[in-house]
Amino acid sequence: MSANAILGAVHEMLTIALLLVSPFLLAAVATSFVIGLFQASTRLNDLTLSFIPRFVAVMLVVYFAASWAAGQMAGYIGRSAAAMRAILG
């Protein structure tokens, strides 16, 4: 196995990891921003006010994006298995 093949596999792994995590992080960051603006405008600094909406937003993204994420992971596993079969013979 050449160094280019290893680097390509690592690049694909990191790309798929970033692709899978980004919707959840984006939901958490966007919700935190909106709640932060609300807390700054009302001077209401309650810890649960920032945690619960962020938790609900991430759970909604999990609910709506689970099938997409499972499809992405299944495709990656299939490509990785095919590459391993090609390497092993």
PDB file of N, CA and C in Angstrom:
ATOM      1  N   MET A   1       0.853  -1.171   0.000  1.00  0.00           N
ATOM      2  CA  MET A   1       0.000   0.000   0.000  1.00  0.00           C
ATOM      3  C   MET A   1       0.897   1.232   0.000  1.00  0.00           C
ATOM      4  N   SER A   2       0.658   2.119  -0.924  1.00  0.00           N
ATOM      5  CA  SER A   2       1.507   3.290  -1.060  1.00  0.00           C
ATOM      6  C   SER A   2       1.088   4.393  -0.091  1.00  0.00           C
ATOM      7  N   ALA A   3       1.966   5.359   0.050  1.00  0.00           N
ATOM      8  CA  ALA A   3       1.684   6.488   0.937  1.00  0.00           C
ATOM      9  C   ALA A   3       0.524   7.314   0.410  1.00  0.00           C
ATOM     10  N   ASN A   4       0.390   7.427  -0.898  1.00  0.00           N
ATOM     11  CA  ASN A   4      -0.722   8.190  -1.479  1.00  0.00           C
ATOM     12  C   ASN A   4      -2.067   7.530  -1.194  1.00  0.00           C
ATOM     13  N   ALA A   5      -2.090   6.201  -1.215  1.00  0.00           N
ATOM     14  CA  ALA A   5      -3.336   5.494  -0.909  1.00  0.00           C
ATOM     15  C   ALA A   5      -3.717   5.684   0.555  1.00  0.00           C
ATOM     16  N   ILE A   6      -2.741   5.653   1.432  1.00  0.00           N
ATOM     17  CA  ILE A   6      -3.010   5.857   2.860  1.00  0.00           C
ATOM     18  C   ILE A   6      -3.499   7.283   3.096  1.00  0.00           C
ATOM     19  N   LEU A   7      -2.838   8.255   2.487  1.00  0.00           N
ATOM     20  CA  LEU A   7      -3.263   9.647   2.638  1.00  0.00           C
ATOM     21  C   LEU A   7      -4.661   9.870   2.067  1.00  0.00           C
ATOM     22  N   GLY A   8      -4.964   9.219   0.964  1.00  0.00           N
ATOM     23  CA  GLY A   8      -6.306   9.326   0.382  1.00  0.00           C
ATOM     24  C   GLY A   8      -7.367   8.742   1.304  1.00  0.00           C
ATOM     25  N   ALA A   9      -7.055   7.600   1.933  1.00  0.00           N
ATOM     26  CA  ALA A   9      -8.003   6.979   2.858  1.00  0.00           C
ATOM     27  C   ALA A   9      -8.214   7.848   4.099  1.00  0.00           C
ATOM     28  N   VAL A  10      -7.145   8.414   4.619  1.00  0.00           N
ATOM     29  CA  VAL A  10      -7.255   9.294   5.790  1.00  0.00           C
ATOM     30  C   VAL A  10      -8.037  10.555   5.428  1.00  0.00           C
ATOM     31  N   HIS A  11      -7.783  11.095   4.252  1.00  0.00           N
ATOM     32  CA  HIS A  11      -8.508  12.289   3.803  1.00  0.00           C
ATOM     33  C   HIS A  11     -10.001  12.006   3.688  1.00  0.00           C
ATOM     34  N   GLU A  12     -10.351  10.867   3.110  1.00  0.00           N
ATOM     35  CA  GLU A  12     -11.763  10.517   2.975  1.00  0.00           C
ATOM     36  C   GLU A  12     -12.403  10.289   4.341  1.00  0.00           C
ATOM     37  N   MET A  13     -11.676   9.665   5.256  1.00  0.00           N
ATOM     38  CA  MET A  13     -12.201   9.427   6.598  1.00  0.00           C
ATOM     39  C   MET A  13     -12.473  10.740   7.320  1.00  0.00           C
ATOM     40  N   LEU A  14     -11.534  11.662   7.257  1.00  0.00           N
ATOM     41  CA  LEU A  14     -11.723  12.952   7.925  1.00  0.00           C
ATOM     42  C   LEU A  14     -12.825  13.772   7.267  1.00  0.00           C
ATOM     43  N   THR A  15     -12.929  13.685   5.960  1.00  0.00           N
ATOM     44  CA  THR A  15     -13.977  14.405   5.245  1.00  0.00           C
ATOM     45  C   THR A  15     -15.353  13.886   5.630  1.00  0.00           C
ATOM     46  N   ILE A  16     -15.505  12.566   5.684  1.00  0.00           N
ATOM     47  CA  ILE A  16     -16.817  12.015   6.037  1.00  0.00           C
ATOM     48  C   ILE A  16     -17.141  12.306   7.499  1.00  0.00           C
ATOM     49  N   ALA A  17     -16.148  12.309   8.378  1.00  0.00           N
ATOM     50  CA  ALA A  17     -16.390  12.643   9.788  1.00  0.00           C
ATOM     51  C   ALA A  17     -16.856  14.088   9.920  1.00  0.00           C
ATOM     52  N   LEU A  18     -16.214  14.995   9.221  1.00  0.00           N
ATOM     53  CA  LEU A  18     -16.606  16.401   9.260  1.00  0.00           C
ATOM     54  C   LEU A  18     -17.989  16.603   8.652  1.00  0.00           C
ATOM     55  N   LEU A  19     -18.273  15.888   7.583  1.00  0.00           N
ATOM     56  CA  LEU A  19     -19.574  15.979   6.931  1.00  0.00           C
ATOM     57  C   LEU A  19     -20.685  15.475   7.843  1.00  0.00           C
ATOM     58  N   LEU A  20     -20.421  14.409   8.592  1.00  0.00           N
ATOM     59  CA  LEU A  20     -21.437  13.845   9.476  1.00  0.00           C
ATOM     60  C   LEU A  20     -21.688  14.709  10.711  1.00  0.00           C
ATOM     61  N   VAL A  21     -20.665  15.368  11.209  1.00  0.00           N
ATOM     62  CA  VAL A  21     -20.782  16.144  12.443  1.00  0.00           C
ATOM     63  C   VAL A  21     -21.316  17.549  12.188  1.00  0.00           C
ATOM     64  N   SER A  22     -21.096  18.084  11.004  1.00  0.00           N
ATOM     65  CA  SER A  22     -21.413  19.489  10.751  1.00  0.00           C
ATOM     66  C   SER A  22     -22.880  19.878  10.950  1.00  0.00           C
ATOM     67  N   PRO A  23     -23.885  19.080  10.564  1.00  0.00           N
ATOM     68  CA  PRO A  23     -25.268  19.536  10.820  1.00  0.00           C
ATOM     69  C   PRO A  23     -25.577  19.685  12.309  1.00  0.00           C
ATOM     70  N   PHE A  24     -25.032  18.790  13.127  1.00  0.00           N
ATOM     71  CA  PHE A  24     -25.300  18.839  14.562  1.00  0.00           C
ATOM     72  C   PHE A  24     -24.600  20.039  15.203  1.00  0.00           C
ATOM     73  N   LEU A  25     -23.372  20.268  14.798  1.00  0.00           N
ATOM     74  CA  LEU A  25     -22.653  21.427  15.328  1.00  0.00           C
ATOM     75  C   LEU A  25     -23.274  22.738  14.855  1.00  0.00           C
ATOM     76  N   LEU A  26     -23.698  22.771  13.615  1.00  0.00           N
ATOM     77  CA  LEU A  26     -24.334  23.975  13.090  1.00  0.00           C
ATOM     78  C   LEU A  26     -25.627  24.292  13.836  1.00  0.00           C
ATOM     79  N   ALA A  27     -26.415  23.266  14.132  1.00  0.00           N
ATOM     80  CA  ALA A  27     -27.645  23.483  14.893  1.00  0.00           C
ATOM     81  C   ALA A  27     -27.340  24.002  16.290  1.00  0.00           C
ATOM     82  N   ALA A  28     -26.329  23.436  16.945  1.00  0.00           N
ATOM     83  CA  ALA A  28     -25.973  23.872  18.294  1.00  0.00           C
ATOM     84  C   ALA A  28     -25.439  25.296  18.296  1.00  0.00           C
ATOM     85  N   VAL A  29     -24.603  25.633  17.329  1.00  0.00           N
ATOM     86  CA  VAL A  29     -24.033  26.978  17.270  1.00  0.00           C
ATOM     87  C   VAL A  29     -25.102  28.015  16.937  1.00  0.00           C
ATOM     88  N   ALA A  30     -25.952  27.711  15.979  1.00  0.00           N
ATOM     89  CA  ALA A  30     -27.002  28.666  15.606  1.00  0.00           C
ATOM     90  C   ALA A  30     -27.980  28.889  16.757  1.00  0.00           C
ATOM     91  N   THR A  31     -28.345  27.813  17.433  1.00  0.00           N
ATOM     92  CA  THR A  31     -29.250  27.953  18.576  1.00  0.00           C
ATOM     93  C   THR A  31     -28.591  28.733  19.705  1.00  0.00           C
ATOM     94  N   SER A  32     -27.321  28.457  19.966  1.00  0.00           N
ATOM     95  CA  SER A  32     -26.606  29.190  21.008  1.00  0.00           C
ATOM     96  C   SER A  32     -26.522  30.673  20.678  1.00  0.00           C
ATOM     97  N   PHE A  33     -26.322  30.995  19.410  1.00  0.00           N
ATOM     98  CA  PHE A  33     -26.252  32.398  18.996  1.00  0.00           C
ATOM     99  C   PHE A  33     -27.580  33.105  19.226  1.00  0.00           C
ATOM    100  N   VAL A  34     -28.665  32.456  18.827  1.00  0.00           N
ATOM    101  CA  VAL A  34     -29.986  33.063  18.990  1.00  0.00           C
ATOM    102  C   VAL A  34     -30.324  33.219  20.473  1.00  0.00           C
ATOM    103  N   ILE A  35     -30.053  32.205  21.261  1.00  0.00           N
ATOM    104  CA  ILE A  35     -30.327  32.283  22.701  1.00  0.00           C
ATOM    105  C   ILE A  35     -29.425  33.324  23.352  1.00  0.00           C
ATOM    106  N   GLY A  36     -28.186  33.424  22.912  1.00  0.00           N
ATOM    107  CA  GLY A  36     -27.279  34.447  23.437  1.00  0.00           C
ATOM    108  C   GLY A  36     -27.772  35.852  23.153  1.00  0.00           C
ATOM    109  N   LEU A  37     -28.287  36.066  21.937  1.00  0.00           N
ATOM    110  CA  LEU A  37     -28.872  37.373  21.608  1.00  0.00           C
ATOM    111  C   LEU A  37     -30.089  37.664  22.478  1.00  0.00           C
ATOM    112  N   PHE A  38     -30.908  36.640  22.684  1.00  0.00           N
ATOM    113  CA  PHE A  38     -32.081  36.818  23.529  1.00  0.00           C
ATOM    114  C   PHE A  38     -31.685  37.136  24.969  1.00  0.00           C
ATOM    115  N   GLN A  39     -30.696  36.414  25.496  1.00  0.00           N
ATOM    116  CA  GLN A  39     -30.254  36.655  26.872  1.00  0.00           C
ATOM    117  C   GLN A  39     -29.606  38.027  27.013  1.00  0.00           C
ATOM    118  N   ALA A  40     -28.862  38.447  26.008  1.00  0.00           N
ATOM    119  CA  ALA A  40     -28.231  39.767  26.078  1.00  0.00           C
ATOM    120  C   ALA A  40     -29.270  40.888  26.000  1.00  0.00           C
ATOM    121  N   SER A  41     -30.307  40.669  25.221  1.00  0.00           N
ATOM    122  CA  SER A  41     -31.309  41.726  25.084  1.00  0.00           C
ATOM    123  C   SER A  41     -32.243  41.806  26.289  1.00  0.00           C
ATOM    124  N   THR A  42     -32.457  40.701  26.974  1.00  0.00           N
ATOM    125  CA  THR A  42     -33.371  40.713  28.115  1.00  0.00           C
ATOM    126  C   THR A  42     -32.646  40.688  29.458  1.00  0.00           C
ATOM    127  N   ARG A  43     -31.324  40.541  29.443  1.00  0.00           N
ATOM    128  CA  ARG A  43     -30.520  40.428  30.665  1.00  0.00           C
ATOM    129  C   ARG A  43     -30.975  39.266  31.540  1.00  0.00           C
ATOM    130  N   LEU A  44     -31.426  38.220  30.896  1.00  0.00           N
ATOM    131  CA  LEU A  44     -31.891  37.023  31.580  1.00  0.00           C
ATOM    132  C   LEU A  44     -30.815  35.954  31.407  1.00  0.00           C
ATOM    133  N   ASN A  45     -30.044  35.675  32.446  1.00  0.00           N
ATOM    134  CA  ASN A  45     -28.942  34.727  32.347  1.00  0.00           C
ATOM    135  C   ASN A  45     -29.242  33.489  33.167  1.00  0.00           C
ATOM    136  N   ASP A  46     -29.984  32.597  32.580  1.00  0.00           N
ATOM    137  CA  ASP A  46     -30.312  31.337  33.219  1.00  0.00           C
ATOM    138  C   ASP A  46     -29.624  30.221  32.449  1.00  0.00           C
ATOM    139  N   LEU A  47     -28.998  29.286  33.155  1.00  0.00           N
ATOM    140  CA  LEU A  47     -28.245  28.216  32.500  1.00  0.00           C
ATOM    141  C   LEU A  47     -29.172  27.294  31.721  1.00  0.00           C
ATOM    142  N   THR A  48     -30.337  26.992  32.262  1.00  0.00           N
ATOM    143  CA  THR A  48     -31.242  26.093  31.547  1.00  0.00           C
ATOM    144  C   THR A  48     -31.807  26.741  30.292  1.00  0.00           C
ATOM    145  N   LEU A  49     -31.879  28.057  30.264  1.00  0.00           N
ATOM    146  CA  LEU A  49     -32.372  28.748  29.079  1.00  0.00           C
ATOM    147  C   LEU A  49     -31.428  28.557  27.897  1.00  0.00           C
ATOM    148  N   SER A  50     -30.155  28.367  28.155  1.00  0.00           N
ATOM    149  CA  SER A  50     -29.227  28.130  27.055  1.00  0.00           C
ATOM    150  C   SER A  50     -29.079  26.642  26.735  1.00  0.00           C
ATOM    151  N   PHE A  51     -29.296  25.779  27.709  1.00  0.00           N
ATOM    152  CA  PHE A  51     -29.077  24.345  27.486  1.00  0.00           C
ATOM    153  C   PHE A  51     -30.258  23.667  26.804  1.00  0.00           C
ATOM    154  N   ILE A  52     -31.443  23.908  27.278  1.00  0.00           N
ATOM    155  CA  ILE A  52     -32.608  23.164  26.798  1.00  0.00           C
ATOM    156  C   ILE A  52     -32.918  23.445  25.323  1.00  0.00           C
ATOM    157  N   PRO A  53     -32.937  24.692  24.848  1.00  0.00           N
ATOM    158  CA  PRO A  53     -33.185  24.890  23.408  1.00  0.00           C
ATOM    159  C   PRO A  53     -32.089  24.293  22.525  1.00  0.00           C
ATOM    160  N   ARG A  54     -30.847  24.354  22.988  1.00  0.00           N
ATOM    161  CA  ARG A  54     -29.752  23.763  22.213  1.00  0.00           C
ATOM    162  C   ARG A  54     -29.924  22.245  22.142  1.00  0.00           C
ATOM    163  N   PHE A  55     -30.303  21.634  23.248  1.00  0.00           N
ATOM    164  CA  PHE A  55     -30.538  20.189  23.290  1.00  0.00           C
ATOM    165  C   PHE A  55     -31.683  19.807  22.359  1.00  0.00           C
ATOM    166  N   VAL A  56     -32.762  20.571  22.395  1.00  0.00           N
ATOM    167  CA  VAL A  56     -33.911  20.285  21.539  1.00  0.00           C
ATOM    168  C   VAL A  56     -33.542  20.455  20.066  1.00  0.00           C
ATOM    169  N   ALA A  57     -32.776  21.481  19.738  1.00  0.00           N
ATOM    170  CA  ALA A  57     -32.372  21.702  18.343  1.00  0.00           C
ATOM    171  C   ALA A  57     -31.503  20.562  17.829  1.00  0.00           C
ATOM    172  N   VAL A  58     -30.574  20.115  18.652  1.00  0.00           N
ATOM    173  CA  VAL A  58     -29.704  19.010  18.224  1.00  0.00           C
ATOM    174  C   VAL A  58     -30.511  17.721  18.092  1.00  0.00           C
ATOM    175  N   MET A  59     -31.452  17.483  18.992  1.00  0.00           N
ATOM    176  CA  MET A  59     -32.281  16.276  18.896  1.00  0.00           C
ATOM    177  C   MET A  59     -33.172  16.318  17.653  1.00  0.00           C
ATOM    178  N   LEU A  60     -33.653  17.503  17.284  1.00  0.00           N
ATOM    179  CA  LEU A  60     -34.419  17.616  16.038  1.00  0.00           C
ATOM    180  C   LEU A  60     -33.554  17.317  14.824  1.00  0.00           C
ATOM    181  N   VAL A  61     -32.325  17.786  14.847  1.00  0.00           N
ATOM    182  CA  VAL A  61     -31.418  17.474  13.736  1.00  0.00           C
ATOM    183  C   VAL A  61     -31.113  15.987  13.704  1.00  0.00           C
ATOM    184  N   VAL A  62     -30.946  15.380  14.860  1.00  0.00           N
ATOM    185  CA  VAL A  62     -30.735  13.924  14.905  1.00  0.00           C
ATOM    186  C   VAL A  62     -31.936  13.214  14.303  1.00  0.00           C
ATOM    187  N   TYR A  63     -33.127  13.645  14.649  1.00  0.00           N
ATOM    188  CA  TYR A  63     -34.339  13.016  14.135  1.00  0.00           C
ATOM    189  C   TYR A  63     -34.440  13.137  12.615  1.00  0.00           C
ATOM    190  N   PHE A  64     -34.179  14.338  12.093  1.00  0.00           N
ATOM    191  CA  PHE A  64     -34.349  14.559  10.660  1.00  0.00           C
ATOM    192  C   PHE A  64     -33.164  14.102   9.821  1.00  0.00           C
ATOM    193  N   ALA A  65     -31.963  14.061  10.398  1.00  0.00           N
ATOM    194  CA  ALA A  65     -30.773  13.735   9.616  1.00  0.00           C
ATOM    195  C   ALA A  65     -30.248  12.329   9.864  1.00  0.00           C
ATOM    196  N   ALA A  66     -30.939  11.531  10.648  1.00  0.00           N
ATOM    197  CA  ALA A  66     -30.430  10.194  10.979  1.00  0.00           C
ATOM    198  C   ALA A  66     -30.336   9.305   9.739  1.00  0.00           C
ATOM    199  N   SER A  67     -31.340   9.328   8.892  1.00  0.00           N
ATOM    200  CA  SER A  67     -31.296   8.467   7.703  1.00  0.00           C
ATOM    201  C   SER A  67     -30.208   8.925   6.734  1.00  0.00           C
ATOM    202  N   TRP A  68     -30.036  10.237   6.611  1.00  0.00           N
ATOM    203  CA  TRP A  68     -28.972  10.753   5.749  1.00  0.00           C
ATOM    204  C   TRP A  68     -27.595  10.342   6.289  1.00  0.00           C
ATOM    205  N   ALA A  69     -27.398  10.486   7.583  1.00  0.00           N
ATOM    206  CA  ALA A  69     -26.112  10.130   8.192  1.00  0.00           C
ATOM    207  C   ALA A  69     -25.860   8.629   8.076  1.00  0.00           C
ATOM    208  N   ALA A  70     -26.885   7.824   8.264  1.00  0.00           N
ATOM    209  CA  ALA A  70     -26.721   6.372   8.129  1.00  0.00           C
ATOM    210  C   ALA A  70     -26.361   6.005   6.694  1.00  0.00           C
ATOM    211  N   GLY A  71     -26.964   6.671   5.736  1.00  0.00           N
ATOM    212  CA  GLY A  71     -26.623   6.426   4.334  1.00  0.00           C
ATOM    213  C   GLY A  71     -25.192   6.813   4.012  1.00  0.00           C
ATOM    214  N   GLN A  72     -24.745   7.949   4.551  1.00  0.00           N
ATOM    215  CA  GLN A  72     -23.358   8.378   4.341  1.00  0.00           C
ATOM    216  C   GLN A  72     -22.383   7.373   4.956  1.00  0.00           C
ATOM    217  N   MET A  73     -22.682   6.917   6.173  1.00  0.00           N
ATOM    218  CA  MET A  73     -21.799   5.952   6.832  1.00  0.00           C
ATOM    219  C   MET A  73     -21.794   4.622   6.095  1.00  0.00           C
ATOM    220  N   ALA A  74     -22.950   4.176   5.633  1.00  0.00           N
ATOM    221  CA  ALA A  74     -23.015   2.916   4.897  1.00  0.00           C
ATOM    222  C   ALA A  74     -22.228   3.008   3.592  1.00  0.00           C
ATOM    223  N   GLY A  75     -22.330   4.137   2.903  1.00  0.00           N
ATOM    224  CA  GLY A  75     -21.553   4.321   1.678  1.00  0.00           C
ATOM    225  C   GLY A  75     -20.064   4.324   1.938  1.00  0.00           C
ATOM    226  N   TYR A  76     -19.653   4.978   3.014  1.00  0.00           N
ATOM    227  CA  TYR A  76     -18.232   5.010   3.365  1.00  0.00           C
ATOM    228  C   TYR A  76     -17.725   3.616   3.730  1.00  0.00           C
ATOM    229  N   ILE A  77     -18.509   2.882   4.491  1.00  0.00           N
ATOM    230  CA  ILE A  77     -18.103   1.526   4.869  1.00  0.00           C
ATOM    231  C   ILE A  77     -18.015   0.638   3.637  1.00  0.00           C
ATOM    232  N   GLY A  78     -18.952   0.793   2.716  1.00  0.00           N
ATOM    233  CA  GLY A  78     -18.911   0.010   1.472  1.00  0.00           C
ATOM    234  C   GLY A  78     -17.672   0.335   0.645  1.00  0.00           C
ATOM    235  N   ARG A  79     -17.352   1.624   0.530  1.00  0.00           N
ATOM    236  CA  ARG A  79     -16.152   2.009  -0.228  1.00  0.00           C
ATOM    237  C   ARG A  79     -14.880   1.504   0.465  1.00  0.00           C
ATOM    238  N   SER A  80     -14.864   1.566   1.783  1.00  0.00           N
ATOM    239  CA  SER A  80     -13.695   1.095   2.520  1.00  0.00           C
ATOM    240  C   SER A  80     -13.531  -0.406   2.391  1.00  0.00           C
ATOM    241  N   ALA A  81     -14.635  -1.136   2.449  1.00  0.00           N
ATOM    242  CA  ALA A  81     -14.571  -2.599   2.294  1.00  0.00           C
ATOM    243  C   ALA A  81     -14.099  -2.980   0.899  1.00  0.00           C
ATOM    244  N   ALA A  82     -14.572  -2.253  -0.109  1.00  0.00           N
ATOM    245  CA  ALA A  82     -14.136  -2.544  -1.480  1.00  0.00           C
ATOM    246  C   ALA A  82     -12.642  -2.244  -1.636  1.00  0.00           C
ATOM    247  N   ALA A  83     -12.173  -1.186  -1.010  1.00  0.00           N
ATOM    248  CA  ALA A  83     -10.748  -0.853  -1.091  1.00  0.00           C
ATOM    249  C   ALA A  83      -9.909  -1.908  -0.373  1.00  0.00           C
ATOM    250  N   MET A  84     -10.381  -2.391   0.755  1.00  0.00           N
ATOM    251  CA  MET A  84      -9.650  -3.433   1.485  1.00  0.00           C
ATOM    252  C   MET A  84      -9.611  -4.736   0.691  1.00  0.00           C
ATOM    253  N   ARG A  85     -10.746  -5.088   0.028  1.00  0.00           N
ATOM    254  CA  ARG A  85     -10.746  -6.294  -0.803  1.00  0.00           C
ATOM    255  C   ARG A  85      -9.767  -6.157  -1.964  1.00  0.00           C
ATOM    256  N   ALA A  86      -9.662  -4.959  -2.531  1.00  0.00           N
ATOM    257  CA  ALA A  86      -8.734  -4.739  -3.639  1.00  0.00           C
ATOM    258  C   ALA A  86      -7.290  -4.843  -3.162  1.00  0.00           C
ATOM    259  N   ILE A  87      -7.020  -4.390  -1.946  1.00  0.00           N
ATOM    260  CA  ILE A  87      -5.660  -4.448  -1.411  1.00  0.00           C
ATOM    261  C   ILE A  87      -5.282  -5.866  -1.051  1.00  0.00           C
ATOM    262  N   LEU A  88      -6.205  -6.586  -0.407  1.00  0.00           N
ATOM    263  CA  LEU A  88      -5.904  -7.943   0.060  1.00  0.00           C
ATOM    264  C   LEU A  88      -5.969  -8.986  -1.040  1.00  0.00           C
ATOM    265  N   GLY A  89      -6.602  -8.661  -2.143  1.00  0.00           N
ATOM    266  CA  GLY A  89      -6.592  -9.571  -3.262  1.00  0.00           C
ATOM    267  C   GLY A  89      -7.836 -10.285  -3.502  1.00  0.00           C
TER     268      GLY A  89
END
